[in-house]
Amino acid sequence: MQKFMAGLPIEIVNPLYNETKDRLPTLPMPMKQAIQSALDREPDPKAKALQPSDVADIGFLQEIEKSGFCGNSTNP
């Protein structure tokens, strides 16, 4: 993280990292509601007729989550 923080000292980066690490999921997964919202905003009627599963296959991510490879992917 320090690499991407424009050379900030580790004394500043560590608290920032520790504060945010528990707020982010281990395995980022697209939310169906967010995809549907994006589709609903499209002016093309064909796009509005699509379902989130038509544009994003999260099956692979769900397999990774079930396998436990990435640890707990949901926040408590």
PDB file of N, CA and C in Angstrom:
ATOM      1  N   MET A   1       0.819  -1.184   0.000  1.00  0.00           N
ATOM      2  CA  MET A   1       0.000   0.000   0.000  1.00  0.00           C
ATOM      3  C   MET A   1       0.869   1.257   0.000  1.00  0.00           C
ATOM      4  N   GLN A   2       1.968   1.194   0.689  1.00  0.00           N
ATOM      5  CA  GLN A   2       2.849   2.358   0.760  1.00  0.00           C
ATOM      6  C   GLN A   2       3.339   2.747  -0.634  1.00  0.00           C
ATOM      7  N   LYS A   3       3.538   1.764  -1.491  1.00  0.00           N
ATOM      8  CA  LYS A   3       4.004   2.013  -2.854  1.00  0.00           C
ATOM      9  C   LYS A   3       3.058   2.957  -3.594  1.00  0.00           C
ATOM     10  N   PHE A   4       1.762   2.837  -3.328  1.00  0.00           N
ATOM     11  CA  PHE A   4       0.771   3.623  -4.044  1.00  0.00           C
ATOM     12  C   PHE A   4       0.342   4.876  -3.285  1.00  0.00           C
ATOM     13  N   MET A   5       0.960   5.133  -2.168  1.00  0.00           N
ATOM     14  CA  MET A   5       0.599   6.295  -1.352  1.00  0.00           C
ATOM     15  C   MET A   5       1.614   7.424  -1.504  1.00  0.00           C
ATOM     16  N   ALA A   6       2.218   7.530  -2.643  1.00  0.00           N
ATOM     17  CA  ALA A   6       3.131   8.627  -2.980  1.00  0.00           C
ATOM     18  C   ALA A   6       4.259   8.791  -1.973  1.00  0.00           C
ATOM     19  N   GLY A   7       4.789   7.667  -1.503  1.00  0.00           N
ATOM     20  CA  GLY A   7       5.942   7.718  -0.622  1.00  0.00           C
ATOM     21  C   GLY A   7       5.671   8.202   0.788  1.00  0.00           C
ATOM     22  N   LEU A   8       4.421   8.145   1.233  1.00  0.00           N
ATOM     23  CA  LEU A   8       4.132   8.532   2.620  1.00  0.00           C
ATOM     24  C   LEU A   8       4.899   7.631   3.575  1.00  0.00           C
ATOM     25  N   PRO A   9       5.307   8.161   4.702  1.00  0.00           N
ATOM     26  CA  PRO A   9       6.042   7.343   5.674  1.00  0.00           C
ATOM     27  C   PRO A   9       5.175   6.193   6.196  1.00  0.00           C
ATOM     28  N   ILE A  10       5.830   5.105   6.542  1.00  0.00           N
ATOM     29  CA  ILE A  10       5.146   3.910   7.032  1.00  0.00           C
ATOM     30  C   ILE A  10       4.326   4.214   8.283  1.00  0.00           C
ATOM     31  N   GLU A  11       4.741   5.199   9.064  1.00  0.00           N
ATOM     32  CA  GLU A  11       4.010   5.579  10.281  1.00  0.00           C
ATOM     33  C   GLU A  11       2.621   6.126   9.954  1.00  0.00           C
ATOM     34  N   ILE A  12       2.457   6.661   8.760  1.00  0.00           N
ATOM     35  CA  ILE A  12       1.155   7.177   8.325  1.00  0.00           C
ATOM     36  C   ILE A  12       0.377   6.092   7.586  1.00  0.00           C
ATOM     37  N   VAL A  13       1.060   5.324   6.774  1.00  0.00           N
ATOM     38  CA  VAL A  13       0.397   4.311   5.954  1.00  0.00           C
ATOM     39  C   VAL A  13      -0.177   3.178   6.805  1.00  0.00           C
ATOM     40  N   ASN A  14       0.557   2.704   7.797  1.00  0.00           N
ATOM     41  CA  ASN A  14       0.087   1.584   8.619  1.00  0.00           C
ATOM     42  C   ASN A  14      -1.265   1.847   9.272  1.00  0.00           C
ATOM     43  N   PRO A  15      -1.462   2.992   9.942  1.00  0.00           N
ATOM     44  CA  PRO A  15      -2.787   3.233  10.533  1.00  0.00           C
ATOM     45  C   PRO A  15      -3.900   3.303   9.480  1.00  0.00           C
ATOM     46  N   LEU A  16      -3.603   3.871   8.324  1.00  0.00           N
ATOM     47  CA  LEU A  16      -4.606   3.929   7.255  1.00  0.00           C
ATOM     48  C   LEU A  16      -4.977   2.528   6.787  1.00  0.00           C
ATOM     49  N   TYR A  17      -3.976   1.700   6.593  1.00  0.00           N
ATOM     50  CA  TYR A  17      -4.212   0.314   6.175  1.00  0.00           C
ATOM     51  C   TYR A  17      -5.011  -0.443   7.227  1.00  0.00           C
ATOM     52  N   ASN A  18      -4.588  -0.348   8.475  1.00  0.00           N
ATOM     53  CA  ASN A  18      -5.260  -1.075   9.553  1.00  0.00           C
ATOM     54  C   ASN A  18      -6.706  -0.629   9.730  1.00  0.00           C
ATOM     55  N   GLU A  19      -6.981   0.639   9.459  1.00  0.00           N
ATOM     56  CA  GLU A  19      -8.337   1.155   9.604  1.00  0.00           C
ATOM     57  C   GLU A  19      -9.254   0.661   8.484  1.00  0.00           C
ATOM     58  N   THR A  20      -8.724   0.490   7.290  1.00  0.00           N
ATOM     59  CA  THR A  20      -9.577   0.125   6.157  1.00  0.00           C
ATOM     60  C   THR A  20      -9.603  -1.359   5.835  1.00  0.00           C
ATOM     61  N   LYS A  21      -8.636  -2.133   6.252  1.00  0.00           N
ATOM     62  CA  LYS A  21      -8.555  -3.535   5.835  1.00  0.00           C
ATOM     63  C   LYS A  21      -9.767  -4.355   6.256  1.00  0.00           C
ATOM     64  N   ASP A  22     -10.353  -4.053   7.408  1.00  0.00           N
ATOM     65  CA  ASP A  22     -11.501  -4.821   7.878  1.00  0.00           C
ATOM     66  C   ASP A  22     -12.816  -4.371   7.253  1.00  0.00           C
ATOM     67  N   ARG A  23     -12.793  -3.250   6.575  1.00  0.00           N
ATOM     68  CA  ARG A  23     -14.010  -2.738   5.933  1.00  0.00           C
ATOM     69  C   ARG A  23     -14.191  -3.284   4.519  1.00  0.00           C
ATOM     70  N   LEU A  24     -13.139  -3.808   3.956  1.00  0.00           N
ATOM     71  CA  LEU A  24     -13.195  -4.294   2.580  1.00  0.00           C
ATOM     72  C   LEU A  24     -13.334  -5.810   2.562  1.00  0.00           C
ATOM     73  N   PRO A  25     -14.130  -6.320   1.629  1.00  0.00           N
ATOM     74  CA  PRO A  25     -14.260  -7.773   1.540  1.00  0.00           C
ATOM     75  C   PRO A  25     -12.967  -8.397   1.042  1.00  0.00           C
ATOM     76  N   THR A  26     -12.685  -9.606   1.491  1.00  0.00           N
ATOM     77  CA  THR A  26     -11.498 -10.320   1.041  1.00  0.00           C
ATOM     78  C   THR A  26     -11.599 -10.625  -0.443  1.00  0.00           C
ATOM     79  N   LEU A  27     -12.803 -10.972  -0.874  1.00  0.00           N
ATOM     80  CA  LEU A  27     -13.051 -11.313  -2.271  1.00  0.00           C
ATOM     81  C   LEU A  27     -14.089 -10.349  -2.828  1.00  0.00           C
ATOM     82  N   PRO A  28     -13.667  -9.309  -3.537  1.00  0.00           N
ATOM     83  CA  PRO A  28     -14.633  -8.355  -4.074  1.00  0.00           C
ATOM     84  C   PRO A  28     -15.527  -9.029  -5.109  1.00  0.00           C
ATOM     85  N   MET A  29     -16.822  -8.892  -4.927  1.00  0.00           N
ATOM     86  CA  MET A  29     -17.780  -9.522  -5.817  1.00  0.00           C
ATOM     87  C   MET A  29     -18.779  -8.465  -6.289  1.00  0.00           C
ATOM     88  N   PRO A  30     -19.081  -8.425  -7.594  1.00  0.00           N
ATOM     89  CA  PRO A  30     -20.052  -7.436  -8.069  1.00  0.00           C
ATOM     90  C   PRO A  30     -21.419  -7.687  -7.445  1.00  0.00           C
ATOM     91  N   MET A  31     -22.079  -6.617  -7.073  1.00  0.00           N
ATOM     92  CA  MET A  31     -23.408  -6.731  -6.471  1.00  0.00           C
ATOM     93  C   MET A  31     -24.465  -6.716  -7.567  1.00  0.00           C
ATOM     94  N   LYS A  32     -25.404  -7.646  -7.494  1.00  0.00           N
ATOM     95  CA  LYS A  32     -26.464  -7.728  -8.503  1.00  0.00           C
ATOM     96  C   LYS A  32     -27.256  -6.427  -8.578  1.00  0.00           C
ATOM     97  N   GLN A  33     -27.495  -5.802  -7.424  1.00  0.00           N
ATOM     98  CA  GLN A  33     -28.256  -4.555  -7.404  1.00  0.00           C
ATOM     99  C   GLN A  33     -27.523  -3.443  -8.149  1.00  0.00           C
ATOM    100  N   ALA A  34     -26.215  -3.397  -8.018  1.00  0.00           N
ATOM    101  CA  ALA A  34     -25.429  -2.364  -8.694  1.00  0.00           C
ATOM    102  C   ALA A  34     -25.440  -2.578 -10.204  1.00  0.00           C
ATOM    103  N   ILE A  35     -25.324  -3.827 -10.621  1.00  0.00           N
ATOM    104  CA  ILE A  35     -25.366  -4.129 -12.057  1.00  0.00           C
ATOM    105  C   ILE A  35     -26.737  -3.781 -12.614  1.00  0.00           C
ATOM    106  N   GLN A  36     -27.795  -4.161 -11.888  1.00  0.00           N
ATOM    107  CA  GLN A  36     -29.153  -3.870 -12.353  1.00  0.00           C
ATOM    108  C   GLN A  36     -29.383  -2.369 -12.447  1.00  0.00           C
ATOM    109  N   SER A  37     -28.875  -1.627 -11.496  1.00  0.00           N
ATOM    110  CA  SER A  37     -29.011  -0.174 -11.517  1.00  0.00           C
ATOM    111  C   SER A  37     -28.345   0.420 -12.756  1.00  0.00           C
ATOM    112  N   ALA A  38     -27.169  -0.076 -13.097  1.00  0.00           N
ATOM    113  CA  ALA A  38     -26.466   0.401 -14.298  1.00  0.00           C
ATOM    114  C   ALA A  38     -27.252   0.050 -15.557  1.00  0.00           C
ATOM    115  N   LEU A  39     -27.806  -1.148 -15.603  1.00  0.00           N
ATOM    116  CA  LEU A  39     -28.601  -1.558 -16.764  1.00  0.00           C
ATOM    117  C   LEU A  39     -29.864  -0.707 -16.889  1.00  0.00           C
ATOM    118  N   ASP A  40     -30.495  -0.403 -15.777  1.00  0.00           N
ATOM    119  CA  ASP A  40     -31.729   0.393 -15.791  1.00  0.00           C
ATOM    120  C   ASP A  40     -31.495   1.812 -16.286  1.00  0.00           C
ATOM    121  N   ARG A  41     -30.284   2.332 -16.110  1.00  0.00           N
ATOM    122  CA  ARG A  41     -29.967   3.695 -16.559  1.00  0.00           C
ATOM    123  C   ARG A  41     -29.677   3.779 -18.050  1.00  0.00           C
ATOM    124  N   GLU A  42     -29.467   2.646 -18.685  1.00  0.00           N
ATOM    125  CA  GLU A  42     -29.140   2.649 -20.108  1.00  0.00           C
ATOM    126  C   GLU A  42     -30.355   3.066 -20.936  1.00  0.00           C
ATOM    127  N   PRO A  43     -30.141   3.910 -21.952  1.00  0.00           N
ATOM    128  CA  PRO A  43     -31.265   4.341 -22.791  1.00  0.00           C
ATOM    129  C   PRO A  43     -31.747   3.248 -23.753  1.00  0.00           C
ATOM    130  N   ASP A  44     -30.900   2.304 -24.076  1.00  0.00           N
ATOM    131  CA  ASP A  44     -31.261   1.239 -25.012  1.00  0.00           C
ATOM    132  C   ASP A  44     -32.205   0.245 -24.331  1.00  0.00           C
ATOM    133  N   PRO A  45     -33.399   0.028 -24.882  1.00  0.00           N
ATOM    134  CA  PRO A  45     -34.349  -0.913 -24.281  1.00  0.00           C
ATOM    135  C   PRO A  45     -33.788  -2.332 -24.160  1.00  0.00           C
ATOM    136  N   LYS A  46     -32.900  -2.709 -25.064  1.00  0.00           N
ATOM    137  CA  LYS A  46     -32.300  -4.046 -24.985  1.00  0.00           C
ATOM    138  C   LYS A  46     -31.468  -4.187 -23.708  1.00  0.00           C
ATOM    139  N   ALA A  47     -30.773  -3.132 -23.341  1.00  0.00           N
ATOM    140  CA  ALA A  47     -29.971  -3.167 -22.116  1.00  0.00           C
ATOM    141  C   ALA A  47     -30.871  -3.249 -20.891  1.00  0.00           C
ATOM    142  N   LYS A  48     -31.974  -2.521 -20.923  1.00  0.00           N
ATOM    143  CA  LYS A  48     -32.901  -2.541 -19.787  1.00  0.00           C
ATOM    144  C   LYS A  48     -33.535  -3.913 -19.601  1.00  0.00           C
ATOM    145  N   ALA A  49     -33.622  -4.683 -20.673  1.00  0.00           N
ATOM    146  CA  ALA A  49     -34.236  -6.011 -20.603  1.00  0.00           C
ATOM    147  C   ALA A  49     -33.274  -7.063 -20.043  1.00  0.00           C
ATOM    148  N   LEU A  50     -31.995  -6.733 -19.964  1.00  0.00           N
ATOM    149  CA  LEU A  50     -31.008  -7.691 -19.464  1.00  0.00           C
ATOM    150  C   LEU A  50     -31.103  -7.860 -17.952  1.00  0.00           C
ATOM    151  N   GLN A  51     -30.681  -9.003 -17.492  1.00  0.00           N
ATOM    152  CA  GLN A  51     -30.575  -9.297 -16.068  1.00  0.00           C
ATOM    153  C   GLN A  51     -29.088  -9.240 -15.684  1.00  0.00           C
ATOM    154  N   PRO A  52     -28.782  -8.981 -14.421  1.00  0.00           N
ATOM    155  CA  PRO A  52     -27.372  -8.963 -14.010  1.00  0.00           C
ATOM    156  C   PRO A  52     -26.620 -10.235 -14.393  1.00  0.00           C
ATOM    157  N   SER A  53     -27.285 -11.370 -14.323  1.00  0.00           N
ATOM    158  CA  SER A  53     -26.620 -12.633 -14.670  1.00  0.00           C
ATOM    159  C   SER A  53     -26.299 -12.731 -16.158  1.00  0.00           C
ATOM    160  N   ASP A  54     -26.932 -11.884 -16.980  1.00  0.00           N
ATOM    161  CA  ASP A  54     -26.638 -11.869 -18.414  1.00  0.00           C
ATOM    162  C   ASP A  54     -25.311 -11.181 -18.719  1.00  0.00           C
ATOM    163  N   VAL A  55     -24.856 -10.325 -17.822  1.00  0.00           N
ATOM    164  CA  VAL A  55     -23.639  -9.554 -18.097  1.00  0.00           C
ATOM    165  C   VAL A  55     -22.480  -9.869 -17.157  1.00  0.00           C
ATOM    166  N   ALA A  56     -22.750 -10.563 -16.064  1.00  0.00           N
ATOM    167  CA  ALA A  56     -21.678 -10.889 -15.117  1.00  0.00           C
ATOM    168  C   ALA A  56     -21.885 -12.295 -14.579  1.00  0.00           C
ATOM    169  N   ASP A  57     -20.899 -13.135 -14.794  1.00  0.00           N
ATOM    170  CA  ASP A  57     -20.928 -14.495 -14.259  1.00  0.00           C
ATOM    171  C   ASP A  57     -20.045 -14.529 -13.019  1.00  0.00           C
ATOM    172  N   ILE A  58     -20.677 -14.600 -11.866  1.00  0.00           N
ATOM    173  CA  ILE A  58     -19.911 -14.603 -10.621  1.00  0.00           C
ATOM    174  C   ILE A  58     -19.723 -16.020 -10.080  1.00  0.00           C
ATOM    175  N   GLY A  59     -20.062 -17.004 -10.889  1.00  0.00           N
ATOM    176  CA  GLY A  59     -19.929 -18.398 -10.465  1.00  0.00           C
ATOM    177  C   GLY A  59     -18.517 -18.752 -10.039  1.00  0.00           C
ATOM    178  N   PHE A  60     -17.533 -18.279 -10.787  1.00  0.00           N
ATOM    179  CA  PHE A  60     -16.138 -18.566 -10.454  1.00  0.00           C
ATOM    180  C   PHE A  60     -15.773 -17.959  -9.104  1.00  0.00           C
ATOM    181  N   LEU A  61     -16.214 -16.722  -8.878  1.00  0.00           N
ATOM    182  CA  LEU A  61     -15.934 -16.071  -7.600  1.00  0.00           C
ATOM    183  C   LEU A  61     -16.635 -16.793  -6.453  1.00  0.00           C
ATOM    184  N   GLN A  62     -17.850 -17.272  -6.703  1.00  0.00           N
ATOM    185  CA  GLN A  62     -18.573 -18.012  -5.665  1.00  0.00           C
ATOM    186  C   GLN A  62     -17.867 -19.327  -5.336  1.00  0.00           C
ATOM    187  N   GLU A  63     -17.290 -19.964  -6.346  1.00  0.00           N
ATOM    188  CA  GLU A  63     -16.522 -21.195  -6.101  1.00  0.00           C
ATOM    189  C   GLU A  63     -15.304 -20.912  -5.225  1.00  0.00           C
ATOM    190  N   ILE A  64     -14.619 -19.815  -5.511  1.00  0.00           N
ATOM    191  CA  ILE A  64     -13.457 -19.429  -4.704  1.00  0.00           C
ATOM    192  C   ILE A  64     -13.897 -19.161  -3.269  1.00  0.00           C
ATOM    193  N   GLU A  65     -15.014 -18.459  -3.117  1.00  0.00           N
ATOM    194  CA  GLU A  65     -15.522 -18.144  -1.784  1.00  0.00           C
ATOM    195  C   GLU A  65     -15.854 -19.422  -1.015  1.00  0.00           C
ATOM    196  N   LYS A  66     -16.551 -20.354  -1.664  1.00  0.00           N
ATOM    197  CA  LYS A  66     -16.940 -21.607  -1.009  1.00  0.00           C
ATOM    198  C   LYS A  66     -15.732 -22.470  -0.652  1.00  0.00           C
ATOM    199  N   SER A  67     -14.687 -22.386  -1.459  1.00  0.00           N
ATOM    200  CA  SER A  67     -13.505 -23.208  -1.208  1.00  0.00           C
ATOM    201  C   SER A  67     -12.723 -22.737   0.014  1.00  0.00           C
ATOM    202  N   GLY A  68     -12.942 -21.476   0.400  1.00  0.00           N
ATOM    203  CA  GLY A  68     -12.201 -20.927   1.524  1.00  0.00           C
ATOM    204  C   GLY A  68     -10.811 -20.451   1.146  1.00  0.00           C
ATOM    205  N   PHE A  69     -10.497 -20.431  -0.143  1.00  0.00           N
ATOM    206  CA  PHE A  69      -9.169 -20.036  -0.614  1.00  0.00           C
ATOM    207  C   PHE A  69      -8.784 -18.640  -0.144  1.00  0.00           C
ATOM    208  N   CYS A  70      -9.731 -17.725  -0.133  1.00  0.00           N
ATOM    209  CA  CYS A  70      -9.439 -16.338   0.254  1.00  0.00           C
ATOM    210  C   CYS A  70      -9.864 -16.020   1.674  1.00  0.00           C
ATOM    211  N   GLY A  71     -10.149 -17.004   2.451  1.00  0.00           N
ATOM    212  CA  GLY A  71     -10.596 -16.730   3.817  1.00  0.00           C
ATOM    213  C   GLY A  71     -12.036 -16.274   3.824  1.00  0.00           C
ATOM    214  N   ASN A  72     -12.427 -15.600   4.869  1.00  0.00           N
ATOM    215  CA  ASN A  72     -13.793 -15.107   5.009  1.00  0.00           C
ATOM    216  C   ASN A  72     -13.978 -13.895   4.115  1.00  0.00           C
ATOM    217  N   SER A  73     -14.881 -13.965   3.132  1.00  0.00           N
ATOM    218  CA  SER A  73     -15.042 -12.868   2.184  1.00  0.00           C
ATOM    219  C   SER A  73     -16.126 -11.894   2.584  1.00  0.00           C
ATOM    220  N   THR A  74     -16.784 -12.126   3.702  1.00  0.00           N
ATOM    221  CA  THR A  74     -17.801 -11.185   4.141  1.00  0.00           C
ATOM    222  C   THR A  74     -17.363 -10.545   5.440  1.00  0.00           C
ATOM    223  N   ASN A  75     -17.791  -9.331   5.632  1.00  0.00           N
ATOM    224  CA  ASN A  75     -17.457  -8.629   6.871  1.00  0.00           C
ATOM    225  C   ASN A  75     -18.427  -9.044   7.960  1.00  0.00           C
ATOM    226  N   PRO A  76     -17.980  -9.111   9.207  1.00  0.00           N
ATOM    227  CA  PRO A  76     -18.878  -9.497  10.304  1.00  0.00           C
ATOM    228  C   PRO A  76     -19.964  -8.470  10.533  1.00  0.00           C
TER     229      PRO A  76
END
